[in-house]
Amino acid sequence: MIVLGAILLIAGVVFGISLLSTIGVVLLVIGVVLFLAGSLGRPVGGRRHYY
């Protein structure tokens, strides 16, 4: 999810489409939060690790 968010963010900036940039930022933030929660040992969605 982090990679997809970064790709959409870059594509939105390059092509000038603000919707892609917004979706990219949202996915990037959600991916980072889930990654941090999973790496701290908290179960995310019933899984011990998010990755």
PDB file of N, CA and C in Angstrom:
ATOM      1  N   MET A   1       0.824  -1.184   0.000  1.00  0.00           N
ATOM      2  CA  MET A   1       0.000   0.000   0.000  1.00  0.00           C
ATOM      3  C   MET A   1       0.874   1.255   0.000  1.00  0.00           C
ATOM      4  N   ILE A   2       2.018   1.156   0.641  1.00  0.00           N
ATOM      5  CA  ILE A   2       2.936   2.294   0.663  1.00  0.00           C
ATOM      6  C   ILE A   2       3.467   2.567  -0.740  1.00  0.00           C
ATOM      7  N   VAL A   3       3.821   1.515  -1.447  1.00  0.00           N
ATOM      8  CA  VAL A   3       4.359   1.669  -2.804  1.00  0.00           C
ATOM      9  C   VAL A   3       3.290   2.222  -3.742  1.00  0.00           C
ATOM     10  N   LEU A   4       2.082   1.706  -3.647  1.00  0.00           N
ATOM     11  CA  LEU A   4       0.994   2.196  -4.494  1.00  0.00           C
ATOM     12  C   LEU A   4       0.700   3.670  -4.209  1.00  0.00           C
ATOM     13  N   GLY A   5       0.711   4.050  -2.937  1.00  0.00           N
ATOM     14  CA  GLY A   5       0.496   5.447  -2.578  1.00  0.00           C
ATOM     15  C   GLY A   5       1.583   6.353  -3.135  1.00  0.00           C
ATOM     16  N   ALA A   6       2.836   5.886  -3.060  1.00  0.00           N
ATOM     17  CA  ALA A   6       3.946   6.685  -3.592  1.00  0.00           C
ATOM     18  C   ALA A   6       3.847   6.829  -5.107  1.00  0.00           C
ATOM     19  N   ILE A   7       3.482   5.757  -5.794  1.00  0.00           N
ATOM     20  CA  ILE A   7       3.343   5.802  -7.252  1.00  0.00           C
ATOM     21  C   ILE A   7       2.234   6.764  -7.661  1.00  0.00           C
ATOM     22  N   LEU A   8       1.086   6.679  -6.983  1.00  0.00           N
ATOM     23  CA  LEU A   8      -0.023   7.579  -7.310  1.00  0.00           C
ATOM     24  C   LEU A   8       0.316   9.028  -6.986  1.00  0.00           C
ATOM     25  N   LEU A   9       1.037   9.247  -5.904  1.00  0.00           N
ATOM     26  CA  LEU A   9       1.439  10.606  -5.550  1.00  0.00           C
ATOM     27  C   LEU A   9       2.369  11.193  -6.599  1.00  0.00           C
ATOM     28  N   ILE A  10       3.345  10.429  -7.023  1.00  0.00           N
ATOM     29  CA  ILE A  10       4.283  10.896  -8.051  1.00  0.00           C
ATOM     30  C   ILE A  10       3.564  11.122  -9.375  1.00  0.00           C
ATOM     31  N   ALA A  11       2.682  10.188  -9.750  1.00  0.00           N
ATOM     32  CA  ALA A  11       1.943  10.333 -11.003  1.00  0.00           C
ATOM     33  C   ALA A  11       1.035  11.560 -10.966  1.00  0.00           C
ATOM     34  N   GLY A  12       0.417  11.820  -9.821  1.00  0.00           N
ATOM     35  CA  GLY A  12      -0.443  12.986  -9.701  1.00  0.00           C
ATOM     36  C   GLY A  12       0.328  14.286  -9.820  1.00  0.00           C
ATOM     37  N   VAL A  13       1.540  14.317  -9.264  1.00  0.00           N
ATOM     38  CA  VAL A  13       2.361  15.532  -9.353  1.00  0.00           C
ATOM     39  C   VAL A  13       2.875  15.724 -10.773  1.00  0.00           C
ATOM     40  N   VAL A  14       3.330  14.635 -11.409  1.00  0.00           N
ATOM     41  CA  VAL A  14       3.891  14.733 -12.762  1.00  0.00           C
ATOM     42  C   VAL A  14       2.827  15.143 -13.778  1.00  0.00           C
ATOM     43  N   PHE A  15       1.655  14.529 -13.684  1.00  0.00           N
ATOM     44  CA  PHE A  15       0.606  14.810 -14.668  1.00  0.00           C
ATOM     45  C   PHE A  15      -0.303  15.965 -14.265  1.00  0.00           C
ATOM     46  N   GLY A  16      -0.124  16.491 -13.074  1.00  0.00           N
ATOM     47  CA  GLY A  16      -0.927  17.629 -12.641  1.00  0.00           C
ATOM     48  C   GLY A  16      -2.355  17.276 -12.284  1.00  0.00           C
ATOM     49  N   ILE A  17      -2.596  16.067 -11.858  1.00  0.00           N
ATOM     50  CA  ILE A  17      -3.944  15.632 -11.489  1.00  0.00           C
ATOM     51  C   ILE A  17      -4.013  15.594  -9.958  1.00  0.00           C
ATOM     52  N   SER A  18      -4.745  16.525  -9.385  1.00  0.00           N
ATOM     53  CA  SER A  18      -4.773  16.641  -7.932  1.00  0.00           C
ATOM     54  C   SER A  18      -5.487  15.475  -7.251  1.00  0.00           C
ATOM     55  N   LEU A  19      -6.427  14.854  -7.943  1.00  0.00           N
ATOM     56  CA  LEU A  19      -7.139  13.713  -7.366  1.00  0.00           C
ATOM     57  C   LEU A  19      -6.180  12.549  -7.121  1.00  0.00           C
ATOM     58  N   LEU A  20      -5.289  12.286  -8.071  1.00  0.00           N
ATOM     59  CA  LEU A  20      -4.303  11.216  -7.886  1.00  0.00           C
ATOM     60  C   LEU A  20      -3.362  11.540  -6.735  1.00  0.00           C
ATOM     61  N   SER A  21      -2.980  12.784  -6.613  1.00  0.00           N
ATOM     62  CA  SER A  21      -2.102  13.185  -5.517  1.00  0.00           C
ATOM     63  C   SER A  21      -2.786  12.981  -4.170  1.00  0.00           C
ATOM     64  N   THR A  22      -4.049  13.340  -4.090  1.00  0.00           N
ATOM     65  CA  THR A  22      -4.791  13.184  -2.840  1.00  0.00           C
ATOM     66  C   THR A  22      -4.937  11.720  -2.467  1.00  0.00           C
ATOM     67  N   ILE A  23      -5.309  10.893  -3.422  1.00  0.00           N
ATOM     68  CA  ILE A  23      -5.450   9.457  -3.163  1.00  0.00           C
ATOM     69  C   ILE A  23      -4.096   8.855  -2.788  1.00  0.00           C
ATOM     70  N   GLY A  24      -3.049   9.303  -3.442  1.00  0.00           N
ATOM     71  CA  GLY A  24      -1.710   8.818  -3.136  1.00  0.00           C
ATOM     72  C   GLY A  24      -1.289   9.145  -1.720  1.00  0.00           C
ATOM     73  N   VAL A  25      -1.567  10.364  -1.275  1.00  0.00           N
ATOM     74  CA  VAL A  25      -1.211  10.758   0.090  1.00  0.00           C
ATOM     75  C   VAL A  25      -2.001   9.941   1.106  1.00  0.00           C
ATOM     76  N   VAL A  26      -3.281   9.740   0.850  1.00  0.00           N
ATOM     77  CA  VAL A  26      -4.124   8.969   1.766  1.00  0.00           C
ATOM     78  C   VAL A  26      -3.619   7.534   1.869  1.00  0.00           C
ATOM     79  N   LEU A  27      -3.341   6.899   0.738  1.00  0.00           N
ATOM     80  CA  LEU A  27      -2.839   5.524   0.763  1.00  0.00           C
ATOM     81  C   LEU A  27      -1.475   5.434   1.424  1.00  0.00           C
ATOM     82  N   LEU A  28      -0.643   6.412   1.189  1.00  0.00           N
ATOM     83  CA  LEU A  28       0.687   6.437   1.800  1.00  0.00           C
ATOM     84  C   LEU A  28       0.583   6.533   3.319  1.00  0.00           C
ATOM     85  N   VAL A  29      -0.277   7.402   3.814  1.00  0.00           N
ATOM     86  CA  VAL A  29      -0.441   7.561   5.266  1.00  0.00           C
ATOM     87  C   VAL A  29      -1.031   6.301   5.888  1.00  0.00           C
ATOM     88  N   ILE A  30      -2.042   5.727   5.259  1.00  0.00           N
ATOM     89  CA  ILE A  30      -2.642   4.495   5.783  1.00  0.00           C
ATOM     90  C   ILE A  30      -1.622   3.362   5.787  1.00  0.00           C
ATOM     91  N   GLY A  31      -0.850   3.254   4.725  1.00  0.00           N
ATOM     92  CA  GLY A  31       0.175   2.213   4.661  1.00  0.00           C
ATOM     93  C   GLY A  31       1.228   2.363   5.737  1.00  0.00           C
ATOM     94  N   VAL A  32       1.656   3.588   5.995  1.00  0.00           N
ATOM     95  CA  VAL A  32       2.666   3.820   7.036  1.00  0.00           C
ATOM     96  C   VAL A  32       2.095   3.502   8.414  1.00  0.00           C
ATOM     97  N   VAL A  33       0.855   3.895   8.675  1.00  0.00           N
ATOM     98  CA  VAL A  33       0.229   3.611   9.967  1.00  0.00           C
ATOM     99  C   VAL A  33       0.084   2.108  10.172  1.00  0.00           C
ATOM    100  N   LEU A  34      -0.356   1.397   9.165  1.00  0.00           N
ATOM    101  CA  LEU A  34      -0.499  -0.057   9.290  1.00  0.00           C
ATOM    102  C   LEU A  34       0.855  -0.736   9.447  1.00  0.00           C
ATOM    103  N   PHE A  35       1.858  -0.243   8.739  1.00  0.00           N
ATOM    104  CA  PHE A  35       3.197  -0.810   8.862  1.00  0.00           C
ATOM    105  C   PHE A  35       3.748  -0.600  10.269  1.00  0.00           C
ATOM    106  N   LEU A  36       3.578   0.597  10.799  1.00  0.00           N
ATOM    107  CA  LEU A  36       4.063   0.875  12.155  1.00  0.00           C
ATOM    108  C   LEU A  36       3.313   0.056  13.197  1.00  0.00           C
ATOM    109  N   ALA A  37       2.013  -0.082  13.039  1.00  0.00           N
ATOM    110  CA  ALA A  37       1.238  -0.882  13.986  1.00  0.00           C
ATOM    111  C   ALA A  37       1.662  -2.345  13.924  1.00  0.00           C
ATOM    112  N   GLY A  38       1.922  -2.847  12.727  1.00  0.00           N
ATOM    113  CA  GLY A  38       2.355  -4.230  12.588  1.00  0.00           C
ATOM    114  C   GLY A  38       3.757  -4.457  13.107  1.00  0.00           C
ATOM    115  N   SER A  39       4.632  -3.485  12.925  1.00  0.00           N
ATOM    116  CA  SER A  39       6.008  -3.666  13.372  1.00  0.00           C
ATOM    117  C   SER A  39       6.144  -3.520  14.884  1.00  0.00           C
ATOM    118  N   LEU A  40       5.186  -2.894  15.533  1.00  0.00           N
ATOM    119  CA  LEU A  40       5.215  -2.764  16.988  1.00  0.00           C
ATOM    120  C   LEU A  40       4.642  -3.994  17.688  1.00  0.00           C
ATOM    121  N   GLY A  41       4.204  -4.976  16.908  1.00  0.00           N
ATOM    122  CA  GLY A  41       3.689  -6.207  17.491  1.00  0.00           C
ATOM    123  C   GLY A  41       2.187  -6.209  17.699  1.00  0.00           C
ATOM    124  N   ARG A  42       1.516  -5.137  17.299  1.00  0.00           N
ATOM    125  CA  ARG A  42       0.071  -5.094  17.440  1.00  0.00           C
ATOM    126  C   ARG A  42      -0.554  -5.846  16.270  1.00  0.00           C
ATOM    127  N   PRO A  43      -1.510  -6.717  16.526  1.00  0.00           N
ATOM    128  CA  PRO A  43      -2.163  -7.402  15.413  1.00  0.00           C
ATOM    129  C   PRO A  43      -2.990  -6.433  14.566  1.00  0.00           C
ATOM    130  N   VAL A  44      -2.811  -6.500  13.268  1.00  0.00           N
ATOM    131  CA  VAL A  44      -3.538  -5.637  12.343  1.00  0.00           C
ATOM    132  C   VAL A  44      -4.403  -6.535  11.468  1.00  0.00           C
ATOM    133  N   GLY A  45      -5.700  -6.422  11.606  1.00  0.00           N
ATOM    134  CA  GLY A  45      -6.618  -7.228  10.807  1.00  0.00           C
ATOM    135  C   GLY A  45      -6.476  -8.716  11.087  1.00  0.00           C
ATOM    136  N   GLY A  46      -6.152  -9.067  12.335  1.00  0.00           N
ATOM    137  CA  GLY A  46      -6.010 -10.473  12.686  1.00  0.00           C
ATOM    138  C   GLY A  46      -4.649 -11.057  12.349  1.00  0.00           C
ATOM    139  N   ARG A  47      -3.750 -10.260  11.820  1.00  0.00           N
ATOM    140  CA  ARG A  47      -2.410 -10.730  11.474  1.00  0.00           C
ATOM    141  C   ARG A  47      -1.391 -10.130  12.429  1.00  0.00           C
ATOM    142  N   ARG A  48      -0.368 -10.889  12.717  1.00  0.00           N
ATOM    143  CA  ARG A  48       0.684 -10.402  13.596  1.00  0.00           C
ATOM    144  C   ARG A  48       1.536  -9.351  12.875  1.00  0.00           C
ATOM    145  N   HIS A  49       1.756  -9.528  11.563  1.00  0.00           N
ATOM    146  CA  HIS A  49       2.546  -8.592  10.771  1.00  0.00           C
ATOM    147  C   HIS A  49       1.709  -8.161   9.578  1.00  0.00           C
ATOM    148  N   TYR A  50       1.800  -6.887   9.241  1.00  0.00           N
ATOM    149  CA  TYR A  50       1.030  -6.369   8.117  1.00  0.00           C
ATOM    150  C   TYR A  50       1.662  -6.757   6.784  1.00  0.00           C
ATOM    151  N   TYR A  51       2.980  -6.796   6.724  1.00  0.00           N
ATOM    152  CA  TYR A  51       3.660  -7.112   5.484  1.00  0.00           C
ATOM    153  C   TYR A  51       3.545  -8.551   5.252  1.00  0.00           C
TER     154      TYR A  51
END
